[in-house]
Amino acid sequence: MPDDIAAIERAHPFARQRCEPWANGLDLLVTPTATTPPAKLGWLAPDVSIPDLMTRLGGVTRFSMPFDVTGQPAISLPLHWNADGLPIGVQLVAATGREDILFQVSAQLERTQPWNAKRPSVFA
């Protein structure tokens, strides 16, 4: 249990630091959703060793993970498609409690660049 408490205590300053730009007037942060195109099936399979799995996940989620820790509202939108027809996400992040901004901007983006009818060549 003490390790858990120590980890939480290290996370708090990290979270406060990540929230500073919004306290200084930032409306939205725009980042990639992931650091790589969509992974091939099996790349994150349960038979991958835990250290390898964590390394892979940490690499792919570099942009989204900080906001999982801070709890800030974020949304990933499929605003680009690669040559294989797979969606490439763009993440929007807002200040704590400002989901309304995410919904407003997301709705505007969907109207100008609709994605609801797009499907990869193989999907489930």
N, C-alpha and C. Protein backbone atom coordinates (compact mmCIF):
# COMPACT_ATOMS: atom_id res chain seq x y z
N MET A 1 0.80 -1.21 0.00
CA MET A 1 0.00 0.00 0.00
C MET A 1 0.85 1.27 0.00
N PRO A 2 1.95 1.34 0.74
CA PRO A 2 2.76 2.56 0.71
C PRO A 2 3.25 2.91 -0.69
N ASP A 3 3.54 1.90 -1.53
CA ASP A 3 3.96 2.18 -2.90
C ASP A 3 2.84 2.85 -3.68
N ASP A 4 1.60 2.41 -3.43
CA ASP A 4 0.45 3.01 -4.11
C ASP A 4 0.31 4.48 -3.72
N ILE A 5 0.45 4.76 -2.45
CA ILE A 5 0.33 6.14 -1.95
C ILE A 5 1.44 7.00 -2.53
N ALA A 6 2.65 6.46 -2.58
CA ALA A 6 3.77 7.21 -3.15
C ALA A 6 3.52 7.51 -4.63
N ALA A 7 2.97 6.55 -5.35
CA ALA A 7 2.68 6.77 -6.77
C ALA A 7 1.62 7.86 -6.95
N ILE A 8 0.62 7.85 -6.11
CA ILE A 8 -0.42 8.89 -6.18
C ILE A 8 0.17 10.25 -5.84
N GLU A 9 1.02 10.30 -4.85
CA GLU A 9 1.66 11.57 -4.48
C GLU A 9 2.55 12.10 -5.60
N ARG A 10 3.17 11.22 -6.38
CA ARG A 10 3.97 11.67 -7.53
C ARG A 10 3.06 12.13 -8.67
N ALA A 11 1.89 11.53 -8.78
CA ALA A 11 0.97 11.88 -9.88
C ALA A 11 0.33 13.25 -9.69
N HIS A 12 0.10 13.68 -8.48
CA HIS A 12 -0.58 14.96 -8.24
C HIS A 12 0.17 16.15 -8.82
N PRO A 13 1.48 16.31 -8.55
CA PRO A 13 2.19 17.45 -9.17
C PRO A 13 2.20 17.34 -10.70
N PHE A 14 2.31 16.11 -11.21
CA PHE A 14 2.27 15.89 -12.66
C PHE A 14 0.94 16.38 -13.22
N ALA A 15 -0.15 16.03 -12.56
CA ALA A 15 -1.48 16.44 -13.03
C ALA A 15 -1.63 17.96 -12.96
N ARG A 16 -1.19 18.57 -11.87
CA ARG A 16 -1.30 20.04 -11.76
C ARG A 16 -0.49 20.74 -12.85
N GLN A 17 0.69 20.22 -13.13
CA GLN A 17 1.54 20.82 -14.16
C GLN A 17 0.86 20.70 -15.53
N ARG A 18 0.23 19.58 -15.81
CA ARG A 18 -0.44 19.37 -17.10
C ARG A 18 -1.65 20.29 -17.26
N CYS A 19 -2.25 20.74 -16.16
CA CYS A 19 -3.43 21.60 -16.22
C CYS A 19 -3.10 23.08 -16.34
N GLU A 20 -1.85 23.46 -16.12
CA GLU A 20 -1.46 24.87 -16.12
C GLU A 20 -1.82 25.61 -17.41
N PRO A 21 -1.60 25.04 -18.60
CA PRO A 21 -1.92 25.81 -19.82
C PRO A 21 -3.37 26.28 -19.87
N TRP A 22 -4.30 25.48 -19.36
CA TRP A 22 -5.71 25.87 -19.37
C TRP A 22 -5.97 26.98 -18.36
N ALA A 23 -5.25 26.96 -17.25
CA ALA A 23 -5.38 28.04 -16.27
C ALA A 23 -4.86 29.36 -16.84
N ASN A 24 -3.99 29.27 -17.85
CA ASN A 24 -3.41 30.46 -18.48
C ASN A 24 -4.12 30.84 -19.77
N GLY A 25 -5.32 30.29 -20.02
CA GLY A 25 -6.12 30.74 -21.15
C GLY A 25 -6.23 29.81 -22.34
N LEU A 26 -5.57 28.66 -22.33
CA LEU A 26 -5.69 27.72 -23.44
C LEU A 26 -7.10 27.15 -23.50
N ASP A 27 -7.71 27.10 -24.68
CA ASP A 27 -9.04 26.50 -24.84
C ASP A 27 -8.95 25.01 -25.12
N LEU A 28 -8.15 24.66 -26.13
CA LEU A 28 -8.01 23.27 -26.54
C LEU A 28 -6.56 22.96 -26.88
N LEU A 29 -6.17 21.75 -26.57
CA LEU A 29 -4.89 21.22 -27.00
C LEU A 29 -5.20 20.18 -28.07
N VAL A 30 -4.48 20.23 -29.18
CA VAL A 30 -4.67 19.28 -30.28
C VAL A 30 -3.40 18.45 -30.39
N THR A 31 -3.56 17.12 -30.32
CA THR A 31 -2.42 16.20 -30.43
C THR A 31 -2.83 15.02 -31.29
N PRO A 32 -1.86 14.22 -31.72
CA PRO A 32 -2.24 12.92 -32.29
C PRO A 32 -2.89 12.09 -31.18
N THR A 33 -3.70 11.13 -31.56
CA THR A 33 -4.25 10.22 -30.56
C THR A 33 -3.19 9.20 -30.15
N ALA A 34 -2.48 8.67 -31.13
CA ALA A 34 -1.47 7.64 -30.89
C ALA A 34 -0.18 8.02 -31.62
N THR A 35 0.89 7.37 -31.24
CA THR A 35 2.18 7.67 -31.86
C THR A 35 2.43 6.83 -33.11
N THR A 36 1.56 5.86 -33.37
CA THR A 36 1.73 4.97 -34.52
C THR A 36 0.38 4.79 -35.21
N PRO A 37 0.40 4.34 -36.45
CA PRO A 37 -0.88 3.97 -37.08
C PRO A 37 -1.51 2.82 -36.28
N PRO A 38 -2.77 2.51 -36.56
CA PRO A 38 -3.41 1.41 -35.83
C PRO A 38 -2.56 0.13 -35.87
N ALA A 39 -2.47 -0.52 -34.72
CA ALA A 39 -1.65 -1.73 -34.60
C ALA A 39 -2.27 -2.91 -35.35
N LYS A 40 -1.41 -3.78 -35.83
CA LYS A 40 -1.89 -5.01 -36.46
C LYS A 40 -2.45 -5.92 -35.38
N LEU A 41 -3.43 -6.73 -35.75
CA LEU A 41 -4.01 -7.66 -34.79
C LEU A 41 -2.91 -8.52 -34.17
N GLY A 42 -2.99 -8.70 -32.88
CA GLY A 42 -2.02 -9.52 -32.17
C GLY A 42 -0.87 -8.75 -31.56
N TRP A 43 -0.66 -7.51 -31.98
CA TRP A 43 0.46 -6.73 -31.47
C TRP A 43 0.32 -6.46 -29.97
N LEU A 44 -0.91 -6.36 -29.51
CA LEU A 44 -1.18 -6.17 -28.08
C LEU A 44 -1.90 -7.38 -27.49
N ALA A 45 -1.62 -8.56 -28.05
CA ALA A 45 -2.30 -9.79 -27.63
C ALA A 45 -1.93 -10.17 -26.20
N PRO A 46 -2.82 -10.93 -25.55
CA PRO A 46 -2.56 -11.33 -24.16
C PRO A 46 -1.30 -12.18 -23.98
N ASP A 47 -0.82 -12.82 -25.05
CA ASP A 47 0.37 -13.65 -24.89
C ASP A 47 1.67 -12.85 -24.95
N VAL A 48 1.57 -11.54 -25.19
CA VAL A 48 2.76 -10.68 -25.16
C VAL A 48 3.17 -10.53 -23.69
N SER A 49 4.47 -10.64 -23.41
CA SER A 49 4.91 -10.54 -22.02
C SER A 49 4.50 -9.18 -21.45
N ILE A 50 4.25 -9.15 -20.16
CA ILE A 50 3.79 -7.92 -19.51
C ILE A 50 4.78 -6.77 -19.71
N PRO A 51 6.10 -6.96 -19.49
CA PRO A 51 7.01 -5.83 -19.73
C PRO A 51 6.94 -5.33 -21.19
N ASP A 52 6.88 -6.25 -22.15
CA ASP A 52 6.78 -5.85 -23.55
C ASP A 52 5.46 -5.15 -23.82
N LEU A 53 4.40 -5.66 -23.24
CA LEU A 53 3.08 -5.06 -23.43
C LEU A 53 3.05 -3.63 -22.88
N MET A 54 3.60 -3.44 -21.70
CA MET A 54 3.61 -2.11 -21.09
C MET A 54 4.48 -1.15 -21.91
N THR A 55 5.59 -1.62 -22.43
CA THR A 55 6.44 -0.79 -23.28
C THR A 55 5.69 -0.40 -24.54
N ARG A 56 5.02 -1.37 -25.15
CA ARG A 56 4.25 -1.07 -26.37
C ARG A 56 3.13 -0.07 -26.09
N LEU A 57 2.37 -0.34 -25.03
CA LEU A 57 1.27 0.57 -24.70
C LEU A 57 1.77 1.96 -24.36
N GLY A 58 2.85 2.03 -23.59
CA GLY A 58 3.41 3.33 -23.21
C GLY A 58 3.85 4.12 -24.43
N GLY A 59 4.39 3.43 -25.42
CA GLY A 59 4.80 4.11 -26.63
C GLY A 59 3.63 4.62 -27.45
N VAL A 60 2.60 3.81 -27.57
CA VAL A 60 1.44 4.18 -28.39
C VAL A 60 0.60 5.26 -27.72
N THR A 61 0.49 5.22 -26.40
CA THR A 61 -0.42 6.12 -25.67
C THR A 61 0.27 7.35 -25.11
N ARG A 62 1.41 7.68 -25.64
CA ARG A 62 2.20 8.81 -25.11
C ARG A 62 1.39 10.11 -25.07
N PHE A 63 0.50 10.32 -26.04
CA PHE A 63 -0.27 11.57 -26.07
C PHE A 63 -1.54 11.49 -25.23
N SER A 64 -2.15 10.34 -25.11
CA SER A 64 -3.41 10.23 -24.38
C SER A 64 -3.22 9.94 -22.89
N MET A 65 -2.17 9.24 -22.55
CA MET A 65 -1.96 8.83 -21.15
C MET A 65 -1.91 10.00 -20.16
N PRO A 66 -1.24 11.11 -20.47
CA PRO A 66 -1.21 12.19 -19.46
C PRO A 66 -2.61 12.66 -19.05
N PHE A 67 -3.55 12.60 -19.95
CA PHE A 67 -4.89 13.10 -19.64
C PHE A 67 -5.74 12.02 -18.98
N ASP A 68 -5.33 10.76 -19.11
CA ASP A 68 -5.93 9.71 -18.30
C ASP A 68 -5.55 9.94 -16.84
N VAL A 69 -4.32 10.39 -16.61
CA VAL A 69 -3.84 10.65 -15.25
C VAL A 69 -4.49 11.89 -14.66
N THR A 70 -4.60 12.97 -15.46
CA THR A 70 -5.16 14.21 -14.92
C THR A 70 -6.68 14.18 -14.84
N GLY A 71 -7.30 13.31 -15.63
CA GLY A 71 -8.75 13.25 -15.64
C GLY A 71 -9.39 14.34 -16.49
N GLN A 72 -8.58 15.03 -17.27
CA GLN A 72 -9.13 16.09 -18.13
C GLN A 72 -9.94 15.47 -19.26
N PRO A 73 -10.97 16.17 -19.70
CA PRO A 73 -11.77 15.65 -20.80
C PRO A 73 -10.98 15.69 -22.10
N ALA A 74 -11.05 14.60 -22.84
CA ALA A 74 -10.38 14.51 -24.13
C ALA A 74 -11.23 13.64 -25.05
N ILE A 75 -11.06 13.85 -26.33
CA ILE A 75 -11.80 13.07 -27.31
C ILE A 75 -10.88 12.79 -28.48
N SER A 76 -11.02 11.61 -29.05
CA SER A 76 -10.25 11.24 -30.24
C SER A 76 -11.21 11.19 -31.42
N LEU A 77 -10.85 11.90 -32.48
CA LEU A 77 -11.70 11.97 -33.66
C LEU A 77 -10.95 11.40 -34.87
N PRO A 78 -11.62 10.60 -35.70
CA PRO A 78 -10.96 10.03 -36.88
C PRO A 78 -10.93 11.05 -38.02
N LEU A 79 -9.99 11.94 -38.00
CA LEU A 79 -9.95 13.04 -38.96
C LEU A 79 -9.05 12.77 -40.16
N HIS A 80 -8.36 11.65 -40.16
CA HIS A 80 -7.51 11.31 -41.29
C HIS A 80 -7.59 9.80 -41.49
N TRP A 81 -7.33 9.35 -42.70
CA TRP A 81 -7.36 7.92 -43.02
C TRP A 81 -6.08 7.59 -43.76
N ASN A 82 -5.39 6.51 -43.37
CA ASN A 82 -4.14 6.18 -44.03
C ASN A 82 -4.41 5.42 -45.34
N ALA A 83 -3.34 5.06 -46.04
CA ALA A 83 -3.46 4.41 -47.35
C ALA A 83 -4.18 3.07 -47.25
N ASP A 84 -4.15 2.44 -46.09
CA ASP A 84 -4.85 1.16 -45.89
C ASP A 84 -6.32 1.35 -45.52
N GLY A 85 -6.76 2.61 -45.46
CA GLY A 85 -8.15 2.89 -45.11
C GLY A 85 -8.43 2.84 -43.62
N LEU A 86 -7.38 2.91 -42.80
CA LEU A 86 -7.57 2.88 -41.35
C LEU A 86 -7.59 4.30 -40.79
N PRO A 87 -8.42 4.53 -39.79
CA PRO A 87 -8.53 5.90 -39.24
C PRO A 87 -7.29 6.29 -38.44
N ILE A 88 -6.92 7.55 -38.59
CA ILE A 88 -5.84 8.13 -37.80
C ILE A 88 -6.51 9.19 -36.92
N GLY A 89 -6.37 9.03 -35.62
CA GLY A 89 -7.08 9.90 -34.69
C GLY A 89 -6.34 11.18 -34.36
N VAL A 90 -7.13 12.20 -34.12
CA VAL A 90 -6.66 13.47 -33.60
C VAL A 90 -7.33 13.66 -32.26
N GLN A 91 -6.54 13.94 -31.23
CA GLN A 91 -7.08 14.10 -29.88
C GLN A 91 -7.23 15.59 -29.56
N LEU A 92 -8.38 15.91 -29.00
CA LEU A 92 -8.62 17.26 -28.49
C LEU A 92 -8.74 17.14 -26.97
N VAL A 93 -8.09 18.05 -26.25
CA VAL A 93 -8.11 18.04 -24.79
C VAL A 93 -8.57 19.40 -24.31
N ALA A 94 -9.49 19.39 -23.35
CA ALA A 94 -10.01 20.64 -22.79
C ALA A 94 -9.70 20.70 -21.30
N ALA A 95 -9.98 21.84 -20.73
CA ALA A 95 -9.79 22.02 -19.29
C ALA A 95 -10.79 21.16 -18.52
N THR A 96 -10.44 20.85 -17.30
CA THR A 96 -11.34 20.08 -16.45
C THR A 96 -12.71 20.74 -16.40
N GLY A 97 -13.75 19.95 -16.65
CA GLY A 97 -15.12 20.46 -16.62
C GLY A 97 -15.58 21.13 -17.90
N ARG A 98 -14.76 21.15 -18.94
CA ARG A 98 -15.11 21.84 -20.18
C ARG A 98 -15.39 20.86 -21.33
N GLU A 99 -16.13 19.81 -21.01
CA GLU A 99 -16.55 18.87 -22.05
C GLU A 99 -17.37 19.57 -23.13
N ASP A 100 -18.07 20.66 -22.74
CA ASP A 100 -18.90 21.38 -23.70
C ASP A 100 -18.07 21.87 -24.89
N ILE A 101 -16.86 22.33 -24.64
CA ILE A 101 -16.00 22.78 -25.73
C ILE A 101 -15.67 21.62 -26.66
N LEU A 102 -15.37 20.47 -26.07
CA LEU A 102 -15.06 19.29 -26.89
C LEU A 102 -16.24 18.91 -27.78
N PHE A 103 -17.44 18.91 -27.21
CA PHE A 103 -18.62 18.55 -28.00
C PHE A 103 -18.88 19.56 -29.11
N GLN A 104 -18.74 20.84 -28.80
CA GLN A 104 -18.98 21.87 -29.81
C GLN A 104 -18.00 21.76 -30.97
N VAL A 105 -16.72 21.66 -30.66
CA VAL A 105 -15.70 21.59 -31.71
C VAL A 105 -15.82 20.27 -32.48
N SER A 106 -16.07 19.18 -31.77
CA SER A 106 -16.22 17.88 -32.44
C SER A 106 -17.39 17.90 -33.41
N ALA A 107 -18.50 18.49 -33.02
CA ALA A 107 -19.67 18.58 -33.90
C ALA A 107 -19.35 19.41 -35.14
N GLN A 108 -18.63 20.51 -34.95
CA GLN A 108 -18.25 21.34 -36.09
C GLN A 108 -17.33 20.58 -37.04
N LEU A 109 -16.37 19.85 -36.49
CA LEU A 109 -15.45 19.07 -37.33
C LEU A 109 -16.19 17.96 -38.07
N GLU A 110 -17.12 17.31 -37.41
CA GLU A 110 -17.86 16.24 -38.07
C GLU A 110 -18.73 16.78 -39.21
N ARG A 111 -19.29 17.97 -39.01
CA ARG A 111 -20.08 18.58 -40.10
C ARG A 111 -19.21 18.90 -41.31
N THR A 112 -17.99 19.37 -41.07
CA THR A 112 -17.12 19.75 -42.18
C THR A 112 -16.36 18.57 -42.77
N GLN A 113 -16.17 17.52 -41.99
CA GLN A 113 -15.42 16.35 -42.45
C GLN A 113 -16.08 15.09 -41.90
N PRO A 114 -17.27 14.74 -42.43
CA PRO A 114 -18.02 13.60 -41.87
C PRO A 114 -17.24 12.29 -41.95
N TRP A 115 -17.33 11.51 -40.88
CA TRP A 115 -16.63 10.23 -40.84
C TRP A 115 -17.58 9.07 -40.55
N ASN A 116 -18.84 9.35 -40.30
CA ASN A 116 -19.74 8.28 -39.85
C ASN A 116 -19.96 7.19 -40.90
N ALA A 117 -19.79 7.48 -42.17
CA ALA A 117 -20.00 6.46 -43.21
C ALA A 117 -18.71 5.76 -43.61
N LYS A 118 -17.57 6.21 -43.11
CA LYS A 118 -16.29 5.61 -43.49
C LYS A 118 -16.07 4.32 -42.70
N ARG A 119 -15.64 3.28 -43.40
CA ARG A 119 -15.36 2.00 -42.79
C ARG A 119 -14.06 1.45 -43.38
N PRO A 120 -13.22 0.82 -42.56
CA PRO A 120 -12.05 0.14 -43.12
C PRO A 120 -12.54 -0.99 -44.02
N SER A 121 -11.67 -1.51 -44.88
CA SER A 121 -12.08 -2.57 -45.79
C SER A 121 -12.51 -3.82 -45.04
N VAL A 122 -11.97 -4.05 -43.85
CA VAL A 122 -12.38 -5.15 -42.99
C VAL A 122 -12.72 -4.55 -41.63
N PHE A 123 -13.93 -4.82 -41.16
CA PHE A 123 -14.31 -4.32 -39.84
C PHE A 123 -15.28 -5.29 -39.21
N ALA A 124 -15.38 -5.22 -37.90
CA ALA A 124 -16.27 -6.14 -37.18
C ALA A 124 -17.41 -5.36 -36.58
